[in-house]
Amino acid sequence: MHYTADAFAHDWVTHLGPIYVATIVFVVGVVMAYRGLNAM
């Protein structure tokens, strides 16, 4: 429903964009933490 033009009133990039950015930041943080813990 988010990706259809007529069924959803909001722009899907501004509506879902922050969730995608937060997910990428979270995954990068997990990778960095894993590398830091694995270096011991």
C-alpha atoms as a PDB file:
ATOM      1  CA  MET A   1       0.000   0.000   0.000  1.00  0.00           C
ATOM      2  CA  HIS A   2       2.875   2.398   0.693  1.00  0.00           C
ATOM      3  CA  TYR A   3       4.241   2.146  -2.824  1.00  0.00           C
ATOM      4  CA  THR A   4       1.003   2.770  -4.712  1.00  0.00           C
ATOM      5  CA  ALA A   5       0.447   6.347  -5.820  1.00  0.00           C
ATOM      6  CA  ASP A   6      -3.325   6.594  -5.381  1.00  0.00           C
ATOM      7  CA  ALA A   7      -3.973   4.473  -2.294  1.00  0.00           C
ATOM      8  CA  PHE A   8      -1.692   6.345   0.104  1.00  0.00           C
ATOM      9  CA  ALA A   9      -1.833  10.113   0.631  1.00  0.00           C
ATOM     10  CA  HIS A  10       1.767  10.625   1.813  1.00  0.00           C
ATOM     11  CA  ASP A  11       4.986  10.511  -0.159  1.00  0.00           C
ATOM     12  CA  TRP A  12       6.460   7.107   0.663  1.00  0.00           C
ATOM     13  CA  VAL A  13      10.059   8.399   0.661  1.00  0.00           C
ATOM     14  CA  THR A  14       9.405  10.924   3.418  1.00  0.00           C
ATOM     15  CA  HIS A  15       7.081   8.539   5.219  1.00  0.00           C
ATOM     16  CA  LEU A  16       9.304   5.430   5.238  1.00  0.00           C
ATOM     17  CA  GLY A  17      12.712   7.019   4.632  1.00  0.00           C
ATOM     18  CA  PRO A  18      13.580   7.545   8.315  1.00  0.00           C
ATOM     19  CA  ILE A  19      12.927   3.868   9.061  1.00  0.00           C
ATOM     20  CA  TYR A  20      15.254   2.795   6.246  1.00  0.00           C
ATOM     21  CA  VAL A  21      17.958   5.211   7.454  1.00  0.00           C
ATOM     22  CA  ALA A  22      17.591   4.048  11.059  1.00  0.00           C
ATOM     23  CA  THR A  23      17.862   0.409   9.980  1.00  0.00           C
ATOM     24  CA  ILE A  24      21.066   1.101   8.053  1.00  0.00           C
ATOM     25  CA  VAL A  25      22.554   3.001  11.016  1.00  0.00           C
ATOM     26  CA  PHE A  26      21.597   0.142  13.352  1.00  0.00           C
ATOM     27  CA  VAL A  27      23.182  -2.496  11.109  1.00  0.00           C
ATOM     28  CA  VAL A  28      26.378  -0.440  10.780  1.00  0.00           C
ATOM     29  CA  GLY A  29      26.494  -0.100  14.574  1.00  0.00           C
ATOM     30  CA  VAL A  30      26.044  -3.832  15.051  1.00  0.00           C
ATOM     31  CA  VAL A  31      28.866  -4.571  12.616  1.00  0.00           C
ATOM     32  CA  MET A  32      31.163  -2.070  14.340  1.00  0.00           C
ATOM     33  CA  ALA A  33      30.343  -3.495  17.781  1.00  0.00           C
ATOM     34  CA  TYR A  34      30.918  -7.052  16.559  1.00  0.00           C
ATOM     35  CA  ARG A  35      34.298  -6.105  15.140  1.00  0.00           C
ATOM     36  CA  GLY A  36      35.228  -4.408  18.411  1.00  0.00           C
ATOM     37  CA  LEU A  37      34.205  -7.384  20.524  1.00  0.00           C
ATOM     38  CA  ASN A  38      35.780  -9.877  18.149  1.00  0.00           C
ATOM     39  CA  ALA A  39      39.178  -8.100  18.254  1.00  0.00           C
ATOM     40  CA  MET A  40      39.869  -9.283  21.818  1.00  0.00           C
END
